[in-house]
Protein backbone atom coordinates (compact mmCIF):
# COMPACT_ATOMS: atom_id res chain seq x y z
CA UNK A 1 0.06 -0.25 0.16
CA UNK A 2 1.31 3.59 -0.78
CA UNK A 3 1.00 6.78 1.52
CA UNK A 4 -0.51 9.29 -0.11
CA UNK A 5 0.37 12.63 1.13
CA UNK A 6 -2.10 15.18 0.86
CA UNK A 7 -0.78 18.83 1.08
CA UNK A 8 -1.76 21.01 3.71
CA UNK A 9 -3.74 24.13 3.12
CA UNK A 10 -1.45 27.30 3.26
CA UNK A 11 -2.70 29.17 6.18
CA UNK A 12 -2.70 33.29 5.92
CA UNK A 13 -2.12 35.05 9.15
CA UNK A 14 -3.08 38.65 9.77
CA UNK A 15 0.37 40.41 11.27
CA UNK A 16 -0.44 41.79 14.95
CA UNK A 17 0.08 45.35 15.60
CA UNK A 18 2.87 44.83 17.39
CA UNK A 19 4.91 43.21 14.99
CA UNK A 20 3.94 45.18 11.85
CA UNK A 21 7.60 46.79 12.12
CA UNK A 22 9.32 43.69 11.38
CA UNK A 23 7.02 42.69 8.42
CA UNK A 24 8.54 44.99 5.78
CA UNK A 25 12.49 44.20 6.61
CA UNK A 26 11.49 40.33 6.98
CA UNK A 27 9.85 40.06 3.29
CA UNK A 28 11.68 43.06 1.24
CA UNK A 29 14.73 42.42 2.73
CA UNK A 30 16.78 44.80 5.79
CA UNK A 31 17.36 47.86 3.53
CA UNK A 32 15.57 50.57 3.98
CA UNK A 33 15.33 51.75 0.37
CA UNK A 34 14.14 48.14 -0.33
CA UNK A 35 11.54 48.25 2.31
CA UNK A 36 10.26 51.53 1.28
CA UNK A 37 10.15 50.89 -2.40
CA UNK A 38 8.67 47.28 -1.95
CA UNK A 39 5.61 48.75 0.15
CA UNK A 40 5.50 51.65 -2.37
CA UNK A 41 5.37 49.26 -5.12
CA UNK A 42 2.14 47.36 -3.77
CA UNK A 43 0.40 50.59 -3.21
CA UNK A 44 1.16 51.93 -6.39
CA UNK A 45 0.00 49.02 -7.97
CA UNK A 46 -3.51 49.15 -6.10
CA UNK A 47 -3.69 52.75 -7.58
CA UNK A 48 -2.81 51.52 -11.18
CA UNK A 49 -5.46 48.70 -10.68
CA UNK A 50 -8.34 50.18 -8.90
CA UNK A 51 -9.32 53.79 -9.51
CA UNK A 52 -11.56 53.80 -6.79
CA UNK A 53 -8.49 53.12 -4.45
CA UNK A 54 -6.91 56.46 -3.10
CA UNK A 55 -4.97 55.16 0.09
CA UNK A 56 -5.54 54.00 3.75
CA UNK A 57 -4.85 51.19 6.06
CA UNK A 58 -3.46 47.77 4.76
CA UNK A 59 -3.41 44.71 6.82
CA UNK A 60 0.01 42.35 6.53
CA UNK A 61 -0.25 38.88 6.32
CA UNK A 62 2.37 36.01 6.44
CA UNK A 63 1.75 32.53 4.95
CA UNK A 64 2.58 29.13 6.49
CA UNK A 65 4.41 28.37 3.34
CA UNK A 66 6.63 31.20 4.20
CA UNK A 67 5.05 33.89 2.11
CA UNK A 68 3.15 36.95 2.32
CA UNK A 69 1.35 39.69 1.41
CA UNK A 70 -0.67 42.86 1.64
CA UNK A 71 -4.15 44.02 1.53
CA UNK A 72 -5.99 47.20 1.82
CA UNK A 73 -8.50 47.36 4.97
CA UNK A 74 -11.75 48.07 2.66
CA UNK A 75 -15.41 46.66 3.24
CA UNK A 76 -17.04 45.46 0.21
CA UNK A 77 -15.41 44.43 -3.47
CA UNK A 78 -13.02 46.74 -5.39
CA UNK A 79 -13.01 47.13 -9.06
CA UNK A 80 -9.62 46.05 -10.45
CA UNK A 81 -9.20 46.33 -14.09
CA UNK A 82 -5.50 45.37 -15.74
CA UNK A 83 -4.82 47.07 -18.59
CA UNK A 84 -2.03 44.63 -19.77
CA UNK A 85 -4.34 41.53 -20.12
CA UNK A 86 -7.94 43.03 -20.31
CA UNK A 87 -8.92 41.42 -17.10
CA UNK A 88 -11.79 43.49 -15.55
CA UNK A 89 -13.75 42.42 -12.29
CA UNK A 90 -14.59 42.81 -8.47
CA UNK A 91 -12.51 41.12 -6.17
CA UNK A 92 -12.45 41.51 -2.21
CA UNK A 93 -9.81 43.59 -0.60
CA UNK A 94 -8.00 40.37 0.42
CA UNK A 95 -7.87 39.32 -3.37
CA UNK A 96 -6.93 42.69 -4.67
CA UNK A 97 -4.30 43.05 -2.06
CA UNK A 98 -2.67 39.47 -3.29
CA UNK A 99 -3.08 41.14 -6.87
CA UNK A 100 -1.23 44.16 -6.20
CA UNK A 101 1.31 41.89 -4.14
CA UNK A 102 1.94 39.86 -6.68
CA UNK A 103 2.38 42.42 -9.46
CA UNK A 104 4.89 44.66 -7.04
CA UNK A 105 7.10 41.24 -6.21
CA UNK A 106 7.18 40.59 -9.88
CA UNK A 107 8.28 44.21 -10.60
CA UNK A 108 10.65 44.47 -7.57
CA UNK A 109 12.16 40.98 -8.74
CA UNK A 110 12.42 42.42 -12.09
CA UNK A 111 14.65 45.66 -10.86
CA UNK A 112 16.60 43.36 -8.94
CA UNK A 113 17.38 40.36 -11.59
CA UNK A 114 20.50 38.63 -11.41
CA UNK A 115 20.94 38.99 -7.62
CA UNK A 116 20.30 36.94 -4.40
CA UNK A 117 17.98 39.51 -3.35
CA UNK A 118 16.01 38.89 -6.60
CA UNK A 119 15.91 35.10 -5.78
CA UNK A 120 14.59 35.24 -2.47
CA UNK A 121 11.70 37.87 -3.89
CA UNK A 122 11.23 34.95 -6.51
CA UNK A 123 10.65 32.59 -3.90
CA UNK A 124 7.67 34.54 -2.30
CA UNK A 125 6.32 35.60 -5.37
CA UNK A 126 5.94 31.37 -5.85
CA UNK A 127 4.89 31.27 -2.07
CA UNK A 128 2.19 33.57 -2.53
CA UNK A 129 1.24 32.44 -6.40
CA UNK A 130 0.45 28.81 -4.69
CA UNK A 131 -1.62 30.36 -1.69
CA UNK A 132 -3.68 32.23 -4.58
CA UNK A 133 -4.39 28.96 -6.08
CA UNK A 134 -6.27 27.54 -2.56
CA UNK A 135 -7.95 31.39 -2.67
CA UNK A 136 -11.62 31.16 -2.71
CA UNK A 137 -11.29 34.14 -5.75
CA UNK A 138 -8.33 32.16 -7.13
CA UNK A 139 -9.83 32.09 -10.57
CA UNK A 140 -10.16 35.61 -10.45
CA UNK A 141 -6.64 36.24 -9.28
CA UNK A 142 -5.26 34.36 -12.01
CA UNK A 143 -7.33 35.89 -14.63
CA UNK A 144 -6.13 38.98 -13.16
CA UNK A 145 -2.59 38.13 -12.93
CA UNK A 146 -2.05 36.41 -16.34
């Protein structure tokens, strides 16, 4: 008889208020410039993807597989439009944050191409993409990032 391993679901955990200061250096790297660049890219992508987004408080999430993402605090759904692939649809703030974080990680990886820092961010991109595949809005997330 063969033992079949069933993978555990990837769990997202909201970062506690007391731990928020450690989040950016942990996931974008200890360089102040990189932390600020990473955070600004996520906010910037949300602004490009959602015309109704005008800033606000964001939640930070860690993933049980080593990944992370950021999501705006927002009740209701957000209209997301991606010029590059024609996607237009409504996503929860959580799913929209995943999309914005994936776009930001992709851009930051391209900016750091060929470095060890880029390799670490590429791993984080894939960790988040794996989580996105299990998300309730996985199909819409993948259409948005396609």
